[in-house]
Protein backbone atom coordinates (compact mmCIF):
# COMPACT_ATOMS: atom_id res chain seq x y z
CA MET A 1 132.49 121.33 -13.49
CA THR A 2 134.46 118.51 -15.17
CA ASN A 3 131.55 116.08 -14.90
CA SER A 4 129.22 118.72 -16.29
CA ILE A 5 131.45 119.25 -19.34
CA LYS A 6 131.69 115.51 -19.92
CA SER A 7 127.93 115.07 -19.68
CA ILE A 8 127.34 117.88 -22.21
CA ALA A 9 129.83 116.35 -24.63
CA ILE A 10 128.35 112.85 -24.28
CA ARG A 11 124.79 114.15 -24.65
CA THR A 12 125.80 116.01 -27.82
CA LEU A 13 127.49 112.92 -29.18
CA GLU A 14 124.47 110.71 -28.50
CA ILE A 15 122.07 113.13 -30.20
CA GLU A 16 124.26 113.36 -33.29
CA ILE A 17 124.76 109.59 -33.41
CA ASP A 18 120.98 109.14 -33.36
CA ALA A 19 120.70 111.61 -36.24
CA ILE A 20 123.17 109.57 -38.30
CA LYS A 21 121.52 106.25 -37.46
CA ASN A 22 118.15 107.64 -38.49
CA LEU A 23 119.49 108.30 -42.01
CA SER A 24 119.22 104.58 -42.76
CA ASN A 25 115.46 105.09 -42.83
CA PHE A 26 115.90 107.64 -45.62
CA VAL A 27 117.98 105.52 -47.97
CA ASP A 28 114.88 104.94 -50.04
CA ASN A 29 113.70 104.82 -53.63
CA SER A 30 114.11 108.58 -54.03
CA PHE A 31 117.73 108.27 -52.86
CA GLU A 32 118.40 105.48 -55.36
CA GLN A 33 116.84 107.40 -58.22
CA ALA A 34 118.88 110.49 -57.35
CA ILE A 35 122.11 108.47 -57.43
CA ILE A 36 121.17 106.89 -60.77
CA ALA A 37 120.35 110.31 -62.24
CA ILE A 38 123.73 111.73 -61.19
CA HIS A 39 125.57 108.62 -62.40
CA GLU A 40 123.91 108.70 -65.82
CA SER A 41 124.20 112.47 -66.25
CA LYS A 42 126.40 113.85 -69.03
CA GLY A 43 126.96 117.00 -67.02
CA ARG A 44 128.31 117.91 -63.61
CA LEU A 45 126.85 117.86 -60.12
CA ILE A 46 126.31 121.42 -58.93
CA VAL A 47 125.82 121.63 -55.16
CA SER A 48 124.31 124.70 -53.53
CA GLY A 49 123.20 126.00 -50.17
CA ILE A 50 123.27 129.01 -47.89
CA GLY A 51 124.66 129.56 -44.39
CA LYS A 52 125.94 126.38 -42.75
CA SER A 53 124.45 124.32 -45.58
CA ALA A 54 126.72 126.17 -48.02
CA ILE A 55 129.74 125.02 -46.04
CA ILE A 56 128.46 121.44 -46.15
CA ALA A 57 127.91 121.84 -49.90
CA GLN A 58 131.55 122.78 -50.40
CA LYS A 59 132.69 119.70 -48.49
CA ILE A 60 130.44 117.45 -50.59
CA VAL A 61 131.83 119.01 -53.77
CA ALA A 62 135.38 118.38 -52.58
CA THR A 63 134.61 114.75 -51.74
CA CYS A 64 132.84 114.12 -55.04
CA ASN A 65 135.63 115.68 -57.10
CA SER A 66 138.28 113.58 -55.38
CA THR A 67 136.30 110.36 -55.89
CA GLY A 68 135.42 110.68 -59.56
CA THR A 69 132.24 112.77 -59.74
CA PRO A 70 132.89 116.21 -61.35
CA SER A 71 131.23 118.77 -59.09
CA ILE A 72 130.96 122.53 -58.62
CA PHE A 73 129.83 124.66 -55.67
CA LEU A 74 127.23 127.37 -56.28
CA HIS A 75 126.32 129.72 -53.44
CA ALA A 76 122.56 130.13 -53.34
CA ALA A 77 122.75 133.87 -52.62
CA GLU A 78 125.08 134.49 -55.57
CA ALA A 79 123.11 132.34 -58.00
CA ILE A 80 120.58 135.10 -58.70
CA HIS A 81 123.36 137.64 -59.21
CA GLY A 82 125.03 135.99 -62.18
CA ASP A 83 126.65 132.83 -60.83
CA SER A 84 123.81 130.72 -62.23
CA GLY A 85 125.59 131.20 -65.54
CA MET A 86 127.75 128.22 -64.58
CA ILE A 87 124.76 125.89 -64.99
CA THR A 88 124.71 124.00 -68.27
CA PRO A 89 121.73 121.99 -69.61
CA ASN A 90 123.13 118.59 -68.59
CA ASP A 91 124.05 119.56 -65.03
CA ILE A 92 122.18 118.20 -62.03
CA ILE A 93 121.56 120.61 -59.18
CA LEU A 94 121.70 119.46 -55.56
CA VAL A 95 120.34 122.09 -53.19
CA ILE A 96 120.91 121.68 -49.44
CA SER A 97 118.67 123.30 -46.84
CA LYS A 98 117.31 122.27 -43.45
CA SER A 99 114.06 124.19 -43.74
CA GLY A 100 113.76 124.31 -47.52
CA GLU A 101 111.97 127.62 -47.13
CA SER A 102 114.60 130.37 -47.03
CA PRO A 103 114.11 133.14 -49.64
CA GLU A 104 117.47 132.49 -51.33
CA ILE A 105 116.63 128.80 -51.71
CA LYS A 106 113.20 129.58 -53.16
CA ASN A 107 114.74 131.95 -55.70
CA LEU A 108 117.35 129.38 -56.71
CA VAL A 109 114.76 126.62 -57.03
CA ALA A 110 112.62 128.79 -59.31
CA LEU A 111 115.69 129.54 -61.43
CA VAL A 112 116.67 125.88 -61.75
CA LYS A 113 113.11 124.89 -62.65
CA SER A 114 113.05 127.54 -65.37
CA PHE A 115 116.29 126.09 -66.78
CA GLY A 116 114.78 122.61 -66.86
CA ASN A 117 117.63 120.91 -64.96
CA ILE A 118 117.07 117.96 -62.65
CA LEU A 119 116.76 119.24 -59.10
CA ILE A 120 117.67 117.18 -56.03
CA GLY A 121 116.73 118.57 -52.65
CA MET A 122 118.68 117.57 -49.54
CA VAL A 123 116.23 118.84 -46.98
CA GLY A 124 115.12 118.38 -43.39
CA ASN A 125 111.48 119.24 -44.08
CA THR A 126 109.82 117.01 -46.67
CA GLN A 127 106.78 119.31 -46.86
CA SER A 128 108.87 122.37 -47.72
CA TYR A 129 109.01 124.38 -50.93
CA LEU A 130 112.37 122.81 -51.85
CA ALA A 131 111.14 119.26 -51.23
CA THR A 132 107.94 119.57 -53.21
CA ALA A 133 109.73 121.27 -56.13
CA SER A 134 112.53 118.69 -56.34
CA ASN A 135 112.65 115.76 -58.73
CA PHE A 136 114.27 113.69 -55.97
CA VAL A 137 114.56 114.22 -52.22
CA LEU A 138 117.44 113.26 -49.94
CA ASN A 139 115.77 113.34 -46.55
CA THR A 140 117.98 114.65 -43.73
CA THR A 141 115.28 115.22 -41.13
CA VAL A 142 116.55 115.16 -37.53
CA ASN A 143 114.56 114.84 -34.32
CA LYS A 144 116.41 117.71 -32.68
CA GLU A 145 119.58 119.72 -32.78
CA ALA A 146 122.30 118.98 -30.27
CA CYS A 147 122.09 122.63 -29.25
CA LEU A 148 120.42 123.05 -25.82
CA ASN A 149 118.00 125.54 -27.38
CA ASN A 150 117.40 123.31 -30.43
CA LEU A 151 118.57 126.18 -32.65
CA ALA A 152 122.24 126.00 -33.67
CA PRO A 153 122.73 123.70 -36.70
CA THR A 154 124.48 120.65 -35.26
CA SER A 155 122.61 117.38 -35.76
CA SER A 156 121.16 118.71 -39.00
CA THR A 157 124.55 119.61 -40.50
CA THR A 158 125.97 116.27 -39.34
CA ALA A 159 123.12 114.51 -41.15
CA GLN A 160 123.79 116.60 -44.27
CA ILE A 161 127.50 115.84 -44.37
CA VAL A 162 126.93 112.11 -43.85
CA MET A 163 124.23 112.05 -46.52
CA GLY A 164 126.74 113.72 -48.83
CA ASP A 165 129.23 110.94 -48.07
CA LEU A 166 126.57 108.36 -48.93
CA VAL A 167 126.05 110.03 -52.29
CA ALA A 168 129.77 110.29 -53.02
CA MET A 169 130.54 106.70 -52.01
CA CYS A 170 127.66 105.25 -54.05
CA LEU A 171 128.82 107.18 -57.11
CA MET A 172 132.44 106.21 -56.48
CA GLU A 173 131.58 102.50 -56.62
CA LEU A 174 129.21 102.87 -59.57
CA ASN A 175 132.05 104.61 -61.43
CA ASN A 176 134.49 101.80 -60.53
CA PHE A 177 136.77 104.44 -59.06
CA ASN A 178 139.78 102.52 -57.71
CA ALA A 179 143.05 103.28 -55.93
CA SER A 180 144.83 104.07 -59.21
CA ASN A 181 142.18 106.65 -60.09
CA PHE A 182 142.40 108.06 -56.58
CA ALA A 183 146.16 108.44 -56.89
CA LYS A 184 145.78 110.59 -60.01
CA PHE A 185 143.86 113.19 -58.03
CA HIS A 186 145.99 112.98 -54.88
CA PRO A 187 149.61 113.17 -56.03
CA GLY A 188 150.75 115.38 -53.18
CA GLY A 189 151.23 114.83 -49.46
CA ASN A 190 151.66 111.59 -47.57
CA LEU A 191 148.49 110.10 -49.02
CA GLY A 192 149.70 110.69 -52.56
CA LYS A 193 153.08 109.18 -51.76
CA ARG A 194 151.50 106.03 -50.37
CA LEU A 195 149.60 105.64 -53.63
CA THR A 196 152.31 106.60 -56.11
CA LEU A 197 155.86 106.56 -54.66
CA THR A 198 157.81 103.55 -55.91
CA VAL A 199 160.73 101.66 -54.42
CA GLU A 200 162.90 102.70 -57.37
CA GLN A 201 162.26 106.41 -56.76
CA ILE A 202 163.58 106.08 -53.22
CA ALA A 203 166.49 103.81 -54.17
CA ASN A 204 167.61 106.30 -56.82
CA THR A 205 168.15 108.97 -54.15
CA ASN A 206 170.49 106.72 -52.14
CA ASN A 207 174.04 105.56 -52.66
CA LYS A 208 174.32 101.98 -53.92
CA PRO A 209 176.87 100.24 -51.69
CA PHE A 210 178.13 96.87 -52.83
CA VAL A 211 181.05 94.53 -52.29
CA ASN A 212 182.13 91.17 -53.71
CA ALA A 213 182.27 87.93 -51.78
CA ASN A 214 186.06 88.16 -51.52
CA THR A 215 186.14 91.78 -50.34
CA SER A 216 188.08 92.14 -47.08
CA LEU A 217 186.08 92.70 -43.94
CA LYS A 218 187.83 96.01 -43.37
CA GLU A 219 186.65 97.23 -46.77
CA VAL A 220 183.14 95.94 -46.03
CA ILE A 221 183.05 98.01 -42.82
CA LEU A 222 184.29 101.10 -44.65
CA THR A 223 181.69 100.64 -47.40
CA ILE A 224 178.83 100.38 -44.89
CA SER A 225 180.06 103.39 -42.90
CA LYS A 226 180.64 105.56 -45.95
CA ASN A 227 177.19 105.04 -47.50
CA ARG A 228 175.17 105.48 -44.30
CA LEU A 229 172.52 102.87 -45.08
CA GLY A 230 173.58 100.42 -42.41
CA ALA A 231 174.18 97.69 -44.96
CA THR A 232 175.83 96.75 -48.22
CA ALA A 233 174.84 94.34 -50.95
CA VAL A 234 177.12 91.48 -51.95
CA VAL A 235 177.15 91.02 -55.73
CA ASP A 236 179.05 88.94 -58.28
CA ASP A 237 180.88 90.21 -61.36
CA GLN A 238 177.61 90.29 -63.34
CA ASN A 239 175.88 92.47 -60.70
CA ASN A 240 173.73 89.58 -59.49
CA VAL A 241 172.71 89.80 -55.85
CA GLN A 242 174.41 87.18 -53.74
CA GLY A 243 173.71 88.48 -50.28
CA ILE A 244 173.63 91.34 -47.79
CA ILE A 245 175.78 92.42 -44.85
CA THR A 246 174.31 94.76 -42.23
CA ASP A 247 175.94 96.69 -39.42
CA GLY A 248 174.29 94.17 -37.07
CA ASP A 249 176.21 91.40 -38.81
CA ILE A 250 179.44 93.32 -38.21
CA ARG A 251 178.70 93.66 -34.48
CA ARG A 252 177.86 89.98 -34.12
CA MET A 253 181.03 89.04 -36.02
CA LEU A 254 183.18 91.15 -33.66
CA GLU A 255 181.69 89.34 -30.68
CA LYS A 256 182.83 85.99 -32.14
CA HIS A 257 186.31 86.84 -33.52
CA ASN A 258 189.32 88.41 -31.90
CA SER A 259 190.87 89.26 -35.28
CA ILE A 260 189.24 90.27 -38.55
CA GLN A 261 192.42 90.41 -40.59
CA ASP A 262 191.77 87.17 -42.45
CA LEU A 263 187.99 87.53 -42.80
CA ASN A 264 186.12 88.68 -45.90
CA ALA A 265 182.52 89.25 -47.00
CA SER A 266 181.88 85.60 -47.76
CA ASP A 267 182.47 84.73 -44.09
CA ILE A 268 179.49 86.72 -42.75
CA TYR A 269 177.05 87.68 -45.49
CA HIS A 270 173.43 86.47 -45.61
CA GLN A 271 172.81 84.45 -48.74
CA SER A 272 169.54 84.73 -50.69
CA PRO A 273 168.51 87.99 -49.00
CA ILE A 274 164.99 89.43 -49.10
CA THR A 275 164.63 91.68 -52.14
CA ILE A 276 161.93 93.82 -53.69
CA SER A 277 161.29 94.87 -57.29
CA PRO A 278 161.92 98.53 -58.13
CA ASN A 279 158.42 99.05 -59.56
CA ASN A 280 156.71 98.07 -56.29
CA LEU A 281 155.14 100.81 -54.23
CA ALA A 282 157.17 102.09 -51.29
CA VAL A 283 154.29 101.21 -48.96
CA GLY A 284 154.73 97.60 -50.12
CA ALA A 285 158.38 97.75 -49.08
CA LEU A 286 157.30 98.99 -45.65
CA GLU A 287 154.87 96.10 -45.24
CA LEU A 288 157.57 93.59 -46.23
CA MET A 289 160.16 95.12 -43.91
CA GLU A 290 157.72 95.07 -40.99
CA GLN A 291 156.72 91.50 -41.79
CA LYS A 292 160.36 90.31 -41.90
CA ASP A 293 161.48 92.62 -39.06
CA ILE A 294 164.31 94.18 -41.07
CA SER A 295 165.55 97.75 -41.40
CA GLN A 296 167.03 97.55 -44.92
CA ILE A 297 165.92 95.82 -48.07
CA ILE A 298 167.75 95.25 -51.34
CA VAL A 299 166.08 96.50 -54.51
CA ALA A 300 166.68 94.10 -57.39
CA GLU A 301 165.22 93.41 -60.80
CA ASN A 302 165.64 89.88 -62.13
CA ASN A 303 168.21 89.50 -59.33
CA LYS A 304 170.27 92.41 -60.75
CA TYR A 305 171.27 94.84 -58.02
CA VAL A 306 169.50 98.23 -58.18
CA GLY A 307 170.06 99.67 -54.72
CA ILE A 308 169.11 99.59 -51.03
CA ILE A 309 166.39 101.39 -49.13
CA HIS A 310 166.38 101.90 -45.37
CA ILE A 311 163.30 102.18 -43.18
CA HIS A 312 164.45 105.72 -42.36
CA ASP A 313 163.90 106.57 -46.04
CA LEU A 314 160.25 105.61 -45.62
CA MET A 315 159.98 107.67 -42.46
CA LYS A 316 161.48 110.67 -44.24
CA GLU A 317 158.96 110.36 -47.07
CA GLY A 318 156.06 110.11 -44.62
CA ILE A 319 155.22 106.53 -45.64
CA LEU A 320 155.76 105.25 -42.09
């Protein structure tokens, strides 16, 4: 039974991989012209379909919207019942269908043609009604479905979703859509934080432990314990960073000295510590901390002490 399940899964995977690989044969002149038309359009990309193709259409719309191409989903069955009112003269209509022959698709195509909008057909039958009526064709023909009966949409929907990614990624690069643009549309969640959360924002939520070079070692220990960051900065009277003392430094010091009564911060602190500017991204702080194999990093601007962030802060924010 286990071997049978594995063989079914592998067979399905191989069929769908072949369907994706075959798409390279369909990145042709019609594909290029469709991308150029969308890129140069003054309107939106309206993506439509029915059944499984409608679900794929919604995913393509979501991808396009998040990568800089304004898009709207239009259900093919609802288009002839008033929803076609969303179509404006400058919009380009992308209709997705495996057969290109379903009644709802034919009705929508006739409607779009009467409006005079550019029509792009993403279709698995290049001789179909949708294909022949379209200004441009995105060919998603597959040799067979992964379904044993060659019926359930599997390979065909995989080809559609990948073709949609090709469209979105081409438009993204043509629009020079960069990480800063991406961050504007993804402010929430861990992804948004990686793109927008700064070192200063994290540092501002923490205490800002500091001591002077002549602070007694007992007071240094109390400062580290009280602020729960596992470290304290060492600063001068002008708030310039002179060094850092971590709880690891305290442990190593105790191993070397029987008495700490006469010791102070200057006896154990690290001079010229690693620092990071407050306007750097938090993900940059993580990369630096991993590179230097440290758990805390001092935040400083022009060597003026701003605060400390701990790697646990990054874990809490979902950066790590």
